[in-house]
Amino acid sequence: MFPQLARFTDLGLLLLRLMVGLIFATSGYSHLKDPEARAKSIGMSKGFTIFLGIGEVAGALGVMAGIVTQLAALGLILIMLGAIQKKIFVWHTGFWGEKSDGWHYDLMIILMNLVIAFTNGGAYVLLK
């Protein structure tokens, strides 16, 4: 319908990468800021929470900067699959959840990372 918008594809992919990176950078930071309290709130060990926080921050930086973008996006997908697994099988949270804490958000983040991985992040990346 609007073929002229196709020229903004790479800009759209950059904005998508920045948004995904922001989400994971802030989440990872919350894991690293107070790992003991965060570990208790998500039902994980302190060590795993630190590992998770480092993985989220590293993946966020990779996706945002466009450094090994596909690998970073795939790593973030693995993190989100773990979150979905925990929500479904441990916390028994439904797709929409209660008070909008379901796993629909996590699935959307996976799909956003799939777009990044499938397109290698677009033209505005540092290292392919």
C-alpha atoms as a PDB file:
ATOM      1  CA  MET A   1       0.000   0.000   0.000  1.00  0.00           C
ATOM      2  CA  PHE A   2       2.847   2.400   0.886  1.00  0.00           C
ATOM      3  CA  PRO A   3       5.949   1.116  -0.949  1.00  0.00           C
ATOM      4  CA  GLN A   4       7.767   4.387  -0.272  1.00  0.00           C
ATOM      5  CA  LEU A   5       7.973   3.410   3.409  1.00  0.00           C
ATOM      6  CA  ALA A   6      10.322   0.533   2.508  1.00  0.00           C
ATOM      7  CA  ARG A   7      13.219   2.992   2.378  1.00  0.00           C
ATOM      8  CA  PHE A   8      12.876   3.342   6.171  1.00  0.00           C
ATOM      9  CA  THR A   9      13.300  -0.387   6.861  1.00  0.00           C
ATOM     10  CA  ASP A  10      16.825  -0.050   8.232  1.00  0.00           C
ATOM     11  CA  LEU A  11      15.799   2.856  10.449  1.00  0.00           C
ATOM     12  CA  GLY A  12      12.882   0.788  11.757  1.00  0.00           C
ATOM     13  CA  LEU A  13      15.226  -2.110  12.498  1.00  0.00           C
ATOM     14  CA  LEU A  14      17.609   0.218  14.332  1.00  0.00           C
ATOM     15  CA  LEU A  15      14.746   1.571  16.462  1.00  0.00           C
ATOM     16  CA  LEU A  16      13.579  -1.993  17.159  1.00  0.00           C
ATOM     17  CA  ARG A  17      17.097  -2.975  18.236  1.00  0.00           C
ATOM     18  CA  LEU A  18      17.356   0.046  20.511  1.00  0.00           C
ATOM     19  CA  MET A  19      14.002  -0.738  22.156  1.00  0.00           C
ATOM     20  CA  VAL A  20      14.869  -4.404  22.697  1.00  0.00           C
ATOM     21  CA  GLY A  21      18.257  -3.379  24.047  1.00  0.00           C
ATOM     22  CA  LEU A  22      16.712  -0.877  26.442  1.00  0.00           C
ATOM     23  CA  ILE A  23      14.318  -3.510  27.789  1.00  0.00           C
ATOM     24  CA  PHE A  24      17.091  -6.025  28.438  1.00  0.00           C
ATOM     25  CA  ALA A  25      19.642  -3.487  29.713  1.00  0.00           C
ATOM     26  CA  THR A  26      17.235  -2.235  32.373  1.00  0.00           C
ATOM     27  CA  SER A  27      16.156  -5.764  33.300  1.00  0.00           C
ATOM     28  CA  GLY A  28      19.761  -6.947  33.525  1.00  0.00           C
ATOM     29  CA  TYR A  29      20.685  -3.915  35.593  1.00  0.00           C
ATOM     30  CA  SER A  30      17.898  -4.723  38.060  1.00  0.00           C
ATOM     31  CA  HIS A  31      19.344  -8.242  38.413  1.00  0.00           C
ATOM     32  CA  LEU A  32      22.840  -6.883  39.050  1.00  0.00           C
ATOM     33  CA  LYS A  33      21.891  -3.920  41.269  1.00  0.00           C
ATOM     34  CA  ASP A  34      20.562  -6.081  44.115  1.00  0.00           C
ATOM     35  CA  PRO A  35      21.010  -9.712  43.083  1.00  0.00           C
ATOM     36  CA  GLU A  36      19.970 -11.131  46.429  1.00  0.00           C
ATOM     37  CA  ALA A  37      16.578  -9.412  46.507  1.00  0.00           C
ATOM     38  CA  ARG A  38      16.030  -9.991  42.790  1.00  0.00           C
ATOM     39  CA  ALA A  39      16.923 -13.682  43.162  1.00  0.00           C
ATOM     40  CA  LYS A  40      14.331 -14.032  45.893  1.00  0.00           C
ATOM     41  CA  SER A  41      11.647 -12.315  43.795  1.00  0.00           C
ATOM     42  CA  ILE A  42      12.189 -14.577  40.758  1.00  0.00           C
ATOM     43  CA  GLY A  43      12.882 -17.764  42.720  1.00  0.00           C
ATOM     44  CA  MET A  44      16.449 -18.279  41.512  1.00  0.00           C
ATOM     45  CA  SER A  45      19.831 -18.455  43.209  1.00  0.00           C
ATOM     46  CA  LYS A  46      21.889 -15.316  43.641  1.00  0.00           C
ATOM     47  CA  GLY A  47      24.617 -16.718  41.378  1.00  0.00           C
ATOM     48  CA  PHE A  48      22.189 -17.527  38.590  1.00  0.00           C
ATOM     49  CA  THR A  49      20.585 -14.108  38.931  1.00  0.00           C
ATOM     50  CA  ILE A  50      23.990 -12.453  38.457  1.00  0.00           C
ATOM     51  CA  PHE A  51      24.660 -14.715  35.438  1.00  0.00           C
ATOM     52  CA  LEU A  52      21.246 -13.794  34.031  1.00  0.00           C
ATOM     53  CA  GLY A  53      21.874 -10.088  34.575  1.00  0.00           C
ATOM     54  CA  ILE A  54      25.239 -10.256  32.806  1.00  0.00           C
ATOM     55  CA  GLY A  55      23.653 -12.169  29.909  1.00  0.00           C
ATOM     56  CA  GLU A  56      20.859  -9.624  29.566  1.00  0.00           C
ATOM     57  CA  VAL A  57      23.211  -6.633  29.647  1.00  0.00           C
ATOM     58  CA  ALA A  58      25.661  -8.257  27.204  1.00  0.00           C
ATOM     59  CA  GLY A  59      22.843  -9.229  24.834  1.00  0.00           C
ATOM     60  CA  ALA A  60      21.362  -5.743  25.090  1.00  0.00           C
ATOM     61  CA  LEU A  61      24.675  -4.103  24.219  1.00  0.00           C
ATOM     62  CA  GLY A  62      25.201  -6.475  21.304  1.00  0.00           C
ATOM     63  CA  VAL A  63      21.745  -5.864  19.873  1.00  0.00           C
ATOM     64  CA  MET A  64      21.849  -2.092  20.364  1.00  0.00           C
ATOM     65  CA  ALA A  65      25.336  -1.571  18.963  1.00  0.00           C
ATOM     66  CA  GLY A  66      24.955  -4.116  16.201  1.00  0.00           C
ATOM     67  CA  ILE A  67      27.874  -6.274  17.329  1.00  0.00           C
ATOM     68  CA  VAL A  68      27.289  -9.957  16.507  1.00  0.00           C
ATOM     69  CA  THR A  69      23.664  -8.949  16.334  1.00  0.00           C
ATOM     70  CA  GLN A  70      22.251 -12.346  15.422  1.00  0.00           C
ATOM     71  CA  LEU A  71      24.104 -14.105  18.233  1.00  0.00           C
ATOM     72  CA  ALA A  72      22.995 -11.465  20.737  1.00  0.00           C
ATOM     73  CA  ALA A  73      19.363 -11.735  19.586  1.00  0.00           C
ATOM     74  CA  LEU A  74      19.451 -15.540  19.805  1.00  0.00           C
ATOM     75  CA  GLY A  75      20.884 -15.334  23.326  1.00  0.00           C
ATOM     76  CA  LEU A  76      18.088 -12.999  24.370  1.00  0.00           C
ATOM     77  CA  ILE A  77      15.572 -15.418  22.861  1.00  0.00           C
ATOM     78  CA  LEU A  78      16.961 -18.182  25.072  1.00  0.00           C
ATOM     79  CA  ILE A  79      16.581 -15.960  28.121  1.00  0.00           C
ATOM     80  CA  MET A  80      12.963 -15.245  27.216  1.00  0.00           C
ATOM     81  CA  LEU A  81      12.225 -18.926  26.592  1.00  0.00           C
ATOM     82  CA  GLY A  82      13.467 -19.549  30.141  1.00  0.00           C
ATOM     83  CA  ALA A  83      11.168 -16.823  31.432  1.00  0.00           C
ATOM     84  CA  ILE A  84       8.188 -18.317  29.606  1.00  0.00           C
ATOM     85  CA  GLN A  85       9.029 -21.793  30.926  1.00  0.00           C
ATOM     86  CA  LYS A  86       9.120 -20.434  34.483  1.00  0.00           C
ATOM     87  CA  LYS A  87       5.836 -18.564  34.049  1.00  0.00           C
ATOM     88  CA  ILE A  88       3.968 -21.519  32.538  1.00  0.00           C
ATOM     89  CA  PHE A  89       5.304 -24.514  34.455  1.00  0.00           C
ATOM     90  CA  VAL A  90       6.432 -23.083  37.808  1.00  0.00           C
ATOM     91  CA  TRP A  91       4.209 -20.071  38.407  1.00  0.00           C
ATOM     92  CA  HIS A  92       1.271 -21.441  36.344  1.00  0.00           C
ATOM     93  CA  THR A  93       0.715 -18.067  34.712  1.00  0.00           C
ATOM     94  CA  GLY A  94      -1.664 -17.926  31.773  1.00  0.00           C
ATOM     95  CA  PHE A  95      -0.982 -16.253  28.452  1.00  0.00           C
ATOM     96  CA  TRP A  96      -2.560 -12.980  29.599  1.00  0.00           C
ATOM     97  CA  GLY A  97      -1.952 -13.633  33.290  1.00  0.00           C
ATOM     98  CA  GLU A  98      -3.470 -11.648  36.089  1.00  0.00           C
ATOM     99  CA  LYS A  99      -2.896  -7.901  36.157  1.00  0.00           C
ATOM    100  CA  SER A 100      -1.135  -8.218  32.760  1.00  0.00           C
ATOM    101  CA  ASP A 101       1.809 -10.275  34.009  1.00  0.00           C
ATOM    102  CA  GLY A 102       1.272 -13.173  31.608  1.00  0.00           C
ATOM    103  CA  TRP A 103       3.760 -14.487  29.125  1.00  0.00           C
ATOM    104  CA  HIS A 104       2.325 -12.632  26.109  1.00  0.00           C
ATOM    105  CA  TYR A 105       4.921  -9.896  26.673  1.00  0.00           C
ATOM    106  CA  ASP A 106       7.767 -12.443  26.709  1.00  0.00           C
ATOM    107  CA  LEU A 107       6.529 -13.987  23.471  1.00  0.00           C
ATOM    108  CA  MET A 108       6.393 -10.561  21.829  1.00  0.00           C
ATOM    109  CA  ILE A 109      10.017  -9.940  22.865  1.00  0.00           C
ATOM    110  CA  ILE A 110      10.987 -13.300  21.325  1.00  0.00           C
ATOM    111  CA  LEU A 111       9.347 -12.318  18.037  1.00  0.00           C
ATOM    112  CA  MET A 112      11.095  -8.936  18.088  1.00  0.00           C
ATOM    113  CA  ASN A 113      14.421 -10.729  18.538  1.00  0.00           C
ATOM    114  CA  LEU A 114      13.553 -13.115  15.707  1.00  0.00           C
ATOM    115  CA  VAL A 115      13.091 -10.145  13.375  1.00  0.00           C
ATOM    116  CA  ILE A 116      16.492  -8.846  14.475  1.00  0.00           C
ATOM    117  CA  ALA A 117      18.112 -12.257  13.963  1.00  0.00           C
ATOM    118  CA  PHE A 118      16.457 -12.864  10.566  1.00  0.00           C
ATOM    119  CA  THR A 119      17.523  -9.458   9.237  1.00  0.00           C
ATOM    120  CA  ASN A 120      20.915  -9.361  10.978  1.00  0.00           C
ATOM    121  CA  GLY A 121      19.775  -6.083  12.499  1.00  0.00           C
ATOM    122  CA  GLY A 122      19.588  -4.149   9.246  1.00  0.00           C
ATOM    123  CA  ALA A 123      22.226  -1.932   7.667  1.00  0.00           C
ATOM    124  CA  TYR A 124      23.092   0.161  10.731  1.00  0.00           C
ATOM    125  CA  VAL A 125      25.262  -2.366  12.600  1.00  0.00           C
ATOM    126  CA  LEU A 126      28.916  -2.239  13.607  1.00  0.00           C
ATOM    127  CA  LEU A 127      29.862  -5.895  12.997  1.00  0.00           C
ATOM    128  CA  LYS A 128      27.863  -8.443  11.039  1.00  0.00           C
END
